[in-house]
Amino acid sequence: MDEEITTKAQLKTSKRKTAAIIIGFIGILFIVGGVSYYIGASTIKDSLQKPSPALSALLTPQLLSSNDTPPTLTPILTGKLSGTPTPLPKSLILPAERALDGFQSSKENGNSSAEIKVGSDKSAVYRGLVSFSLTGVPTGVNLLEARLRLYQAKVINNPYQTGINIKVDHLQYGDSIDSSDYGIPAFLSGFATISSDNRKEWKEVAVTSQVNDDIANTRSLSQFRLHFSKELRGEDETGEFAFFESSENFLSTGNTPQLIIKYY
């Protein structure tokens, strides 16, 4: 009987120890879990409050010292806001001077109230003349471009044979046309080609340098002479010619000569 009571007491004691061990183990798990949670939560909080250096560089405004190079955007905005805008170019169409266009020939006969005639017949070679007043051009302008435009209205026979075209001279023949203008020396002879075919149409050529030269030398007129690159007398009286409309609208096309100027 005493042995049975002792065995039961020992069994109860063993159960108490086992339960204590289990409870202690569970308590340890709770403590470890709590510590882990606390550490993790603190890490996340720190990460949110203190972002990475790369993220900080993006989110934090950067103050530039006097030696720092400003961001690329800064000069772009500064240039647009403070730069001086480029002025818009203006255009001016100058008409040819009446009585100062027409033609002169190698036989010392010409006309300043008819068409601008270029070519030759059996008796003579003809050269065209055209003149523009520069008095309408504002003083001190920056000339961007000047173009001479003439309307080819008629062609007789075949003046534009292989390799033959109409060249332009830059010269000054003054305020009248006379026989000497056929051969008067040019500032620049044959500097450009204005026409190379029989088509009835506007023909044009750049004369920017020539007009600039006239303005720089305070000439009141820009004047040009037209001639074929090869000047040969024709074999018959009709000859071979190219006719351009004149300031008098002699050929009734309405397309009188123009000097188009762009400037600012």
C-alpha atoms as a PDB file:
ATOM      1  CA  MET A   1       0.000   0.000   0.000  1.00  0.00           C
ATOM      2  CA  ASP A   2       2.787   2.408   0.839  1.00  0.00           C
ATOM      3  CA  GLU A   3       4.567   1.449  -2.378  1.00  0.00           C
ATOM      4  CA  GLU A   4       1.448   2.206  -4.447  1.00  0.00           C
ATOM      5  CA  ILE A   5       1.130   5.642  -2.861  1.00  0.00           C
ATOM      6  CA  THR A   6       4.801   6.370  -3.563  1.00  0.00           C
ATOM      7  CA  THR A   7       4.476   5.359  -7.219  1.00  0.00           C
ATOM      8  CA  LYS A   8       1.441   7.628  -7.733  1.00  0.00           C
ATOM      9  CA  ALA A   9       3.290  10.531  -6.135  1.00  0.00           C
ATOM     10  CA  GLN A  10       6.278   9.988  -8.379  1.00  0.00           C
ATOM     11  CA  LEU A  11       3.998   9.845 -11.445  1.00  0.00           C
ATOM     12  CA  LYS A  12       2.339  13.157 -10.518  1.00  0.00           C
ATOM     13  CA  THR A  13       5.724  14.765  -9.999  1.00  0.00           C
ATOM     14  CA  SER A  14       6.886  13.497 -13.410  1.00  0.00           C
ATOM     15  CA  LYS A  15       3.777  14.912 -15.100  1.00  0.00           C
ATOM     16  CA  ARG A  16       4.318  18.269 -13.420  1.00  0.00           C
ATOM     17  CA  LYS A  17       7.922  18.387 -14.675  1.00  0.00           C
ATOM     18  CA  THR A  18       6.865  17.467 -18.213  1.00  0.00           C
ATOM     19  CA  ALA A  19       4.134  20.119 -18.216  1.00  0.00           C
ATOM     20  CA  ALA A  20       6.609  22.685 -16.873  1.00  0.00           C
ATOM     21  CA  ILE A  21       9.077  21.788 -19.607  1.00  0.00           C
ATOM     22  CA  ILE A  22       6.410  22.124 -22.335  1.00  0.00           C
ATOM     23  CA  ILE A  23       5.169  25.418 -20.927  1.00  0.00           C
ATOM     24  CA  GLY A  24       8.745  26.683 -20.723  1.00  0.00           C
ATOM     25  CA  PHE A  25       9.433  25.690 -24.350  1.00  0.00           C
ATOM     26  CA  ILE A  26       6.258  27.431 -25.554  1.00  0.00           C
ATOM     27  CA  GLY A  27       7.251  30.504 -23.597  1.00  0.00           C
ATOM     28  CA  ILE A  28      10.684  30.506 -25.257  1.00  0.00           C
ATOM     29  CA  LEU A  29       9.012  30.289 -28.699  1.00  0.00           C
ATOM     30  CA  PHE A  30       6.804  33.271 -27.850  1.00  0.00           C
ATOM     31  CA  ILE A  31       9.801  35.279 -26.692  1.00  0.00           C
ATOM     32  CA  VAL A  32      11.858  34.450 -29.795  1.00  0.00           C
ATOM     33  CA  GLY A  33       8.905  35.249 -32.032  1.00  0.00           C
ATOM     34  CA  GLY A  34       8.299  38.534 -30.313  1.00  0.00           C
ATOM     35  CA  VAL A  35      11.923  39.574 -30.577  1.00  0.00           C
ATOM     36  CA  SER A  36      12.006  38.644 -34.297  1.00  0.00           C
ATOM     37  CA  TYR A  37       8.852  40.615 -34.981  1.00  0.00           C
ATOM     38  CA  TYR A  38      10.219  43.636 -33.134  1.00  0.00           C
ATOM     39  CA  ILE A  39      13.514  43.530 -35.048  1.00  0.00           C
ATOM     40  CA  GLY A  40      11.748  43.112 -38.396  1.00  0.00           C
ATOM     41  CA  ALA A  41       9.299  45.921 -37.734  1.00  0.00           C
ATOM     42  CA  SER A  42      12.128  48.206 -36.660  1.00  0.00           C
ATOM     43  CA  THR A  43      14.082  47.407 -39.828  1.00  0.00           C
ATOM     44  CA  ILE A  44      11.105  48.163 -42.066  1.00  0.00           C
ATOM     45  CA  LYS A  45      10.412  51.391 -40.195  1.00  0.00           C
ATOM     46  CA  ASP A  46      14.047  52.453 -40.528  1.00  0.00           C
ATOM     47  CA  SER A  47      13.979  51.608 -44.238  1.00  0.00           C
ATOM     48  CA  LEU A  48      10.922  53.768 -44.742  1.00  0.00           C
ATOM     49  CA  GLN A  49      12.270  56.630 -42.668  1.00  0.00           C
ATOM     50  CA  LYS A  50      15.798  56.426 -44.107  1.00  0.00           C
ATOM     51  CA  PRO A  51      15.649  55.412 -47.810  1.00  0.00           C
ATOM     52  CA  SER A  52      18.706  54.113 -49.629  1.00  0.00           C
ATOM     53  CA  PRO A  53      21.350  56.613 -50.840  1.00  0.00           C
ATOM     54  CA  ALA A  54      20.205  56.156 -54.450  1.00  0.00           C
ATOM     55  CA  LEU A  55      16.578  56.818 -53.502  1.00  0.00           C
ATOM     56  CA  SER A  56      17.617  59.731 -51.297  1.00  0.00           C
ATOM     57  CA  ALA A  57      19.427  61.306 -54.254  1.00  0.00           C
ATOM     58  CA  LEU A  58      16.202  61.192 -56.253  1.00  0.00           C
ATOM     59  CA  LEU A  59      13.877  62.361 -53.485  1.00  0.00           C
ATOM     60  CA  THR A  60      16.030  64.931 -51.708  1.00  0.00           C
ATOM     61  CA  PRO A  61      16.455  68.370 -53.391  1.00  0.00           C
ATOM     62  CA  GLN A  62      20.111  69.058 -54.149  1.00  0.00           C
ATOM     63  CA  LEU A  63      21.563  72.423 -53.238  1.00  0.00           C
ATOM     64  CA  LEU A  64      24.260  73.537 -55.685  1.00  0.00           C
ATOM     65  CA  SER A  65      27.393  75.233 -54.480  1.00  0.00           C
ATOM     66  CA  SER A  66      29.008  78.002 -56.519  1.00  0.00           C
ATOM     67  CA  ASN A  67      31.395  75.464 -58.052  1.00  0.00           C
ATOM     68  CA  ASP A  68      28.775  72.899 -58.998  1.00  0.00           C
ATOM     69  CA  THR A  69      27.624  72.453 -62.605  1.00  0.00           C
ATOM     70  CA  PRO A  70      23.873  73.075 -62.825  1.00  0.00           C
ATOM     71  CA  PRO A  71      21.628  70.354 -64.243  1.00  0.00           C
ATOM     72  CA  THR A  72      21.123  70.200 -67.997  1.00  0.00           C
ATOM     73  CA  LEU A  73      17.609  71.619 -67.694  1.00  0.00           C
ATOM     74  CA  THR A  74      18.820  74.869 -66.139  1.00  0.00           C
ATOM     75  CA  PRO A  75      20.664  76.329 -69.187  1.00  0.00           C
ATOM     76  CA  ILE A  76      17.868  75.254 -71.533  1.00  0.00           C
ATOM     77  CA  LEU A  77      15.270  77.174 -69.526  1.00  0.00           C
ATOM     78  CA  THR A  78      17.604  80.121 -69.003  1.00  0.00           C
ATOM     79  CA  GLY A  79      18.302  80.374 -72.737  1.00  0.00           C
ATOM     80  CA  LYS A  80      14.639  80.353 -73.645  1.00  0.00           C
ATOM     81  CA  LEU A  81      13.655  82.860 -71.010  1.00  0.00           C
ATOM     82  CA  SER A  82      16.521  85.312 -71.245  1.00  0.00           C
ATOM     83  CA  GLY A  83      17.833  84.856 -74.840  1.00  0.00           C
ATOM     84  CA  THR A  84      17.224  87.469 -77.529  1.00  0.00           C
ATOM     85  CA  PRO A  85      14.778  86.102 -80.147  1.00  0.00           C
ATOM     86  CA  THR A  86      16.008  85.899 -83.744  1.00  0.00           C
ATOM     87  CA  PRO A  87      14.174  88.483 -85.868  1.00  0.00           C
ATOM     88  CA  LEU A  88      11.912  87.145 -88.591  1.00  0.00           C
ATOM     89  CA  PRO A  89      13.170  87.773 -92.143  1.00  0.00           C
ATOM     90  CA  LYS A  90      11.305  90.255 -94.300  1.00  0.00           C
ATOM     91  CA  SER A  91      10.809  90.188 -98.068  1.00  0.00           C
ATOM     92  CA  LEU A  92      10.867  92.981-100.590  1.00  0.00           C
ATOM     93  CA  ILE A  93      10.080  92.700-104.319  1.00  0.00           C
ATOM     94  CA  LEU A  94      11.726  95.437-106.358  1.00  0.00           C
ATOM     95  CA  PRO A  95      10.391  96.135-109.881  1.00  0.00           C
ATOM     96  CA  ALA A  96      12.704  96.879-112.777  1.00  0.00           C
ATOM     97  CA  GLU A  97      13.335 100.505-113.659  1.00  0.00           C
ATOM     98  CA  ARG A  98      11.410 101.667-116.718  1.00  0.00           C
ATOM     99  CA  ALA A  99      13.590 102.952-119.562  1.00  0.00           C
ATOM    100  CA  LEU A 100      16.570 101.191-117.981  1.00  0.00           C
ATOM    101  CA  ASP A 101      15.919  97.693-119.345  1.00  0.00           C
ATOM    102  CA  GLY A 102      15.915  96.451-122.904  1.00  0.00           C
ATOM    103  CA  PHE A 103      18.854  95.512-125.135  1.00  0.00           C
ATOM    104  CA  GLN A 104      21.920  96.725-126.992  1.00  0.00           C
ATOM    105  CA  SER A 105      23.667  95.159-129.986  1.00  0.00           C
ATOM    106  CA  SER A 106      27.139  94.850-131.420  1.00  0.00           C
ATOM    107  CA  LYS A 107      25.950  97.117-134.263  1.00  0.00           C
ATOM    108  CA  GLU A 108      25.305  99.953-131.764  1.00  0.00           C
ATOM    109  CA  ASN A 109      21.557  99.817-132.016  1.00  0.00           C
ATOM    110  CA  GLY A 110      19.278  99.011-129.109  1.00  0.00           C
ATOM    111  CA  ASN A 111      15.979  99.758-127.428  1.00  0.00           C
ATOM    112  CA  SER A 112      15.084 100.733-123.866  1.00  0.00           C
ATOM    113  CA  SER A 113      11.301 100.526-124.265  1.00  0.00           C
ATOM    114  CA  ALA A 114      10.886  97.066-125.818  1.00  0.00           C
ATOM    115  CA  GLU A 115      11.562  93.518-124.606  1.00  0.00           C
ATOM    116  CA  ILE A 116      14.789  92.252-123.089  1.00  0.00           C
ATOM    117  CA  LYS A 117      16.312  90.476-126.085  1.00  0.00           C
ATOM    118  CA  VAL A 118      19.274  88.082-126.054  1.00  0.00           C
ATOM    119  CA  GLY A 119      20.724  86.321-129.111  1.00  0.00           C
ATOM    120  CA  SER A 120      21.941  87.033-132.630  1.00  0.00           C
ATOM    121  CA  ASP A 121      20.910  87.323-136.262  1.00  0.00           C
ATOM    122  CA  LYS A 122      22.828  87.632-139.505  1.00  0.00           C
ATOM    123  CA  SER A 123      23.945  91.171-138.803  1.00  0.00           C
ATOM    124  CA  ALA A 124      24.496  91.531-135.028  1.00  0.00           C
ATOM    125  CA  VAL A 125      24.709  90.040-131.533  1.00  0.00           C
ATOM    126  CA  TYR A 126      22.251  91.274-128.891  1.00  0.00           C
ATOM    127  CA  ARG A 127      22.604  91.517-125.132  1.00  0.00           C
ATOM    128  CA  GLY A 128      19.813  92.176-122.623  1.00  0.00           C
ATOM    129  CA  LEU A 129      19.934  94.786-119.853  1.00  0.00           C
ATOM    130  CA  VAL A 130      17.906  95.131-116.650  1.00  0.00           C
ATOM    131  CA  SER A 131      18.124  97.578-113.739  1.00  0.00           C
ATOM    132  CA  PHE A 132      16.638  97.866-110.221  1.00  0.00           C
ATOM    133  CA  SER A 133      16.589 100.814-107.844  1.00  0.00           C
ATOM    134  CA  LEU A 134      17.876 100.109-104.321  1.00  0.00           C
ATOM    135  CA  THR A 135      16.392 103.244-102.789  1.00  0.00           C
ATOM    136  CA  GLY A 136      13.508 101.197-101.353  1.00  0.00           C
ATOM    137  CA  VAL A 137      15.855  98.959 -99.342  1.00  0.00           C
ATOM    138  CA  PRO A 138      16.065 100.103 -95.691  1.00  0.00           C
ATOM    139  CA  THR A 139      19.492 101.305 -94.628  1.00  0.00           C
ATOM    140  CA  GLY A 140      21.584  99.097 -92.370  1.00  0.00           C
ATOM    141  CA  VAL A 141      19.750  95.872 -93.242  1.00  0.00           C
ATOM    142  CA  ASN A 142      21.321  92.444 -93.035  1.00  0.00           C
ATOM    143  CA  LEU A 143      20.740  91.039 -96.524  1.00  0.00           C
ATOM    144  CA  LEU A 144      20.006  87.306 -96.427  1.00  0.00           C
ATOM    145  CA  GLU A 145      19.234  86.660-100.092  1.00  0.00           C
ATOM    146  CA  ALA A 146      18.622  88.413-103.401  1.00  0.00           C
ATOM    147  CA  ARG A 147      17.236  86.703-106.506  1.00  0.00           C
ATOM    148  CA  LEU A 148      16.880  88.040-110.035  1.00  0.00           C
ATOM    149  CA  ARG A 149      13.673  86.793-111.718  1.00  0.00           C
ATOM    150  CA  LEU A 150      12.940  87.238-115.419  1.00  0.00           C
ATOM    151  CA  TYR A 151      10.113  85.729-117.429  1.00  0.00           C
ATOM    152  CA  GLN A 152      11.150  84.063-120.683  1.00  0.00           C
ATOM    153  CA  ALA A 153       8.154  84.755-122.911  1.00  0.00           C
ATOM    154  CA  LYS A 154       9.318  83.816-126.400  1.00  0.00           C
ATOM    155  CA  VAL A 155      12.070  81.918-128.212  1.00  0.00           C
ATOM    156  CA  ILE A 156      12.954  82.117-131.914  1.00  0.00           C
ATOM    157  CA  ASN A 157      14.527  79.058-133.558  1.00  0.00           C
ATOM    158  CA  ASN A 158      16.980  77.183-131.298  1.00  0.00           C
ATOM    159  CA  PRO A 159      19.299  79.517-129.376  1.00  0.00           C
ATOM    160  CA  TYR A 160      19.905  76.932-126.639  1.00  0.00           C
ATOM    161  CA  GLN A 161      22.025  74.564-128.624  1.00  0.00           C
ATOM    162  CA  THR A 162      24.186  71.951-126.881  1.00  0.00           C
ATOM    163  CA  GLY A 163      26.278  73.556-124.187  1.00  0.00           C
ATOM    164  CA  ILE A 164      24.870  77.060-124.777  1.00  0.00           C
ATOM    165  CA  ASN A 165      22.999  78.997-122.099  1.00  0.00           C
ATOM    166  CA  ILE A 166      22.398  82.560-120.934  1.00  0.00           C
ATOM    167  CA  LYS A 167      24.921  84.055-118.528  1.00  0.00           C
ATOM    168  CA  VAL A 168      24.574  87.109-116.283  1.00  0.00           C
ATOM    169  CA  ASP A 169      27.056  89.975-115.806  1.00  0.00           C
ATOM    170  CA  HIS A 170      27.072  92.368-112.866  1.00  0.00           C
ATOM    171  CA  LEU A 171      27.858  95.920-113.976  1.00  0.00           C
ATOM    172  CA  GLN A 172      26.889  99.586-113.814  1.00  0.00           C
ATOM    173  CA  TYR A 173      25.698 101.306-116.970  1.00  0.00           C
ATOM    174  CA  GLY A 174      24.107 104.272-115.237  1.00  0.00           C
ATOM    175  CA  ASP A 175      20.799 106.085-115.629  1.00  0.00           C
ATOM    176  CA  SER A 176      20.410 105.554-119.371  1.00  0.00           C
ATOM    177  CA  ILE A 177      21.030 102.898-122.035  1.00  0.00           C
ATOM    178  CA  ASP A 178      23.357 103.691-124.893  1.00  0.00           C
ATOM    179  CA  SER A 179      25.509 101.845-127.419  1.00  0.00           C
ATOM    180  CA  SER A 180      28.499 101.546-125.071  1.00  0.00           C
ATOM    181  CA  ASP A 181      26.511  99.350-122.650  1.00  0.00           C
ATOM    182  CA  TYR A 182      26.906  96.373-124.973  1.00  0.00           C
ATOM    183  CA  GLY A 183      30.608  96.064-124.154  1.00  0.00           C
ATOM    184  CA  ILE A 184      31.152  98.139-121.001  1.00  0.00           C
ATOM    185  CA  PRO A 185      33.419  96.174-118.586  1.00  0.00           C
ATOM    186  CA  ALA A 186      31.557  94.296-115.872  1.00  0.00           C
ATOM    187  CA  PHE A 187      32.374  94.007-112.174  1.00  0.00           C
ATOM    188  CA  LEU A 188      31.887  90.274-112.630  1.00  0.00           C
ATOM    189  CA  SER A 189      31.215  88.664-116.007  1.00  0.00           C
ATOM    190  CA  GLY A 190      29.191  85.482-116.492  1.00  0.00           C
ATOM    191  CA  PHE A 191      28.907  84.799-112.750  1.00  0.00           C
ATOM    192  CA  ALA A 192      25.727  82.715-113.091  1.00  0.00           C
ATOM    193  CA  THR A 193      23.432  80.958-115.574  1.00  0.00           C
ATOM    194  CA  ILE A 194      19.850  82.186-115.634  1.00  0.00           C
ATOM    195  CA  SER A 195      18.427  80.065-118.470  1.00  0.00           C
ATOM    196  CA  SER A 196      19.412  76.955-120.401  1.00  0.00           C
ATOM    197  CA  ASP A 197      16.251  75.865-122.252  1.00  0.00           C
ATOM    198  CA  ASN A 198      13.353  77.077-124.426  1.00  0.00           C
ATOM    199  CA  ARG A 199      10.610  76.788-121.810  1.00  0.00           C
ATOM    200  CA  LYS A 200       8.344  79.800-121.368  1.00  0.00           C
ATOM    201  CA  GLU A 201       8.543  80.339-117.632  1.00  0.00           C
ATOM    202  CA  TRP A 202      10.134  82.318-114.832  1.00  0.00           C
ATOM    203  CA  LYS A 203      13.909  82.047-114.815  1.00  0.00           C
ATOM    204  CA  GLU A 204      15.791  83.071-111.709  1.00  0.00           C
ATOM    205  CA  VAL A 205      19.261  83.188-110.248  1.00  0.00           C
ATOM    206  CA  ALA A 206      20.865  84.182-106.935  1.00  0.00           C
ATOM    207  CA  VAL A 207      22.492  87.630-106.993  1.00  0.00           C
ATOM    208  CA  THR A 208      23.015  88.059-103.241  1.00  0.00           C
ATOM    209  CA  SER A 209      26.732  88.863-103.412  1.00  0.00           C
ATOM    210  CA  GLN A 210      26.200  91.343-106.232  1.00  0.00           C
ATOM    211  CA  VAL A 211      23.414  93.253-104.460  1.00  0.00           C
ATOM    212  CA  ASN A 212      25.411  93.249-101.241  1.00  0.00           C
ATOM    213  CA  ASP A 213      28.312  94.738-103.175  1.00  0.00           C
ATOM    214  CA  ASP A 214      26.074  97.461-104.588  1.00  0.00           C
ATOM    215  CA  ILE A 215      24.747  98.311-101.118  1.00  0.00           C
ATOM    216  CA  ALA A 216      28.240  98.294 -99.592  1.00  0.00           C
ATOM    217  CA  ASN A 217      29.456 100.695-102.291  1.00  0.00           C
ATOM    218  CA  THR A 218      26.379 102.945-101.922  1.00  0.00           C
ATOM    219  CA  ARG A 219      25.228 102.392-105.498  1.00  0.00           C
ATOM    220  CA  SER A 220      21.628 103.390-106.027  1.00  0.00           C
ATOM    221  CA  LEU A 221      21.088 100.783-108.757  1.00  0.00           C
ATOM    222  CA  SER A 222      21.692  97.053-109.170  1.00  0.00           C
ATOM    223  CA  GLN A 223      22.196  96.386-112.878  1.00  0.00           C
ATOM    224  CA  PHE A 224      22.695  93.208-114.883  1.00  0.00           C
ATOM    225  CA  ARG A 225      23.482  92.227-118.465  1.00  0.00           C
ATOM    226  CA  LEU A 226      22.417  88.985-120.167  1.00  0.00           C
ATOM    227  CA  HIS A 227      24.259  87.232-123.003  1.00  0.00           C
ATOM    228  CA  PHE A 228      24.663  83.764-124.445  1.00  0.00           C
ATOM    229  CA  SER A 229      27.705  81.779-123.358  1.00  0.00           C
ATOM    230  CA  LYS A 230      28.616  81.499-127.048  1.00  0.00           C
ATOM    231  CA  GLU A 231      27.723  84.494-129.165  1.00  0.00           C
ATOM    232  CA  LEU A 232      27.660  83.617-132.868  1.00  0.00           C
ATOM    233  CA  ARG A 233      25.924  85.550-135.611  1.00  0.00           C
ATOM    234  CA  GLY A 234      22.964  83.754-137.114  1.00  0.00           C
ATOM    235  CA  GLU A 235      22.779  82.476-140.653  1.00  0.00           C
ATOM    236  CA  ASP A 236      19.555  84.321-141.522  1.00  0.00           C
ATOM    237  CA  GLU A 237      17.642  87.483-140.722  1.00  0.00           C
ATOM    238  CA  THR A 238      15.300  85.861-138.194  1.00  0.00           C
ATOM    239  CA  GLY A 239      18.214  84.764-136.045  1.00  0.00           C
ATOM    240  CA  GLU A 240      18.095  82.839-132.777  1.00  0.00           C
ATOM    241  CA  PHE A 241      16.754  84.709-129.776  1.00  0.00           C
ATOM    242  CA  ALA A 242      15.342  84.451-126.291  1.00  0.00           C
ATOM    243  CA  PHE A 243      12.933  87.234-125.260  1.00  0.00           C
ATOM    244  CA  PHE A 244      12.248  88.210-121.646  1.00  0.00           C
ATOM    245  CA  GLU A 245       9.420  90.422-120.454  1.00  0.00           C
ATOM    246  CA  SER A 246      10.457  94.005-119.710  1.00  0.00           C
ATOM    247  CA  SER A 247       9.312  96.589-117.152  1.00  0.00           C
ATOM    248  CA  GLU A 248       7.053  98.071-119.853  1.00  0.00           C
ATOM    249  CA  ASN A 249       5.231  94.707-120.188  1.00  0.00           C
ATOM    250  CA  PHE A 250       6.085  94.878-123.890  1.00  0.00           C
ATOM    251  CA  LEU A 251       5.199  91.197-124.507  1.00  0.00           C
ATOM    252  CA  SER A 252       1.891  91.522-122.567  1.00  0.00           C
ATOM    253  CA  THR A 253       2.587  88.681-120.133  1.00  0.00           C
ATOM    254  CA  GLY A 254       2.212  90.751-116.971  1.00  0.00           C
ATOM    255  CA  ASN A 255       5.333  89.041-115.638  1.00  0.00           C
ATOM    256  CA  THR A 256       7.666  92.007-115.392  1.00  0.00           C
ATOM    257  CA  PRO A 257      11.229  91.655-113.986  1.00  0.00           C
ATOM    258  CA  GLN A 258      11.710  91.291-110.240  1.00  0.00           C
ATOM    259  CA  LEU A 259      14.533  91.546-107.759  1.00  0.00           C
ATOM    260  CA  ILE A 260      13.419  89.652-104.639  1.00  0.00           C
ATOM    261  CA  ILE A 261      15.246  90.577-101.457  1.00  0.00           C
ATOM    262  CA  LYS A 262      15.094  88.846 -98.064  1.00  0.00           C
ATOM    263  CA  TYR A 263      16.572  90.656 -95.090  1.00  0.00           C
ATOM    264  CA  TYR A 264      16.254  91.428 -91.381  1.00  0.00           C
END
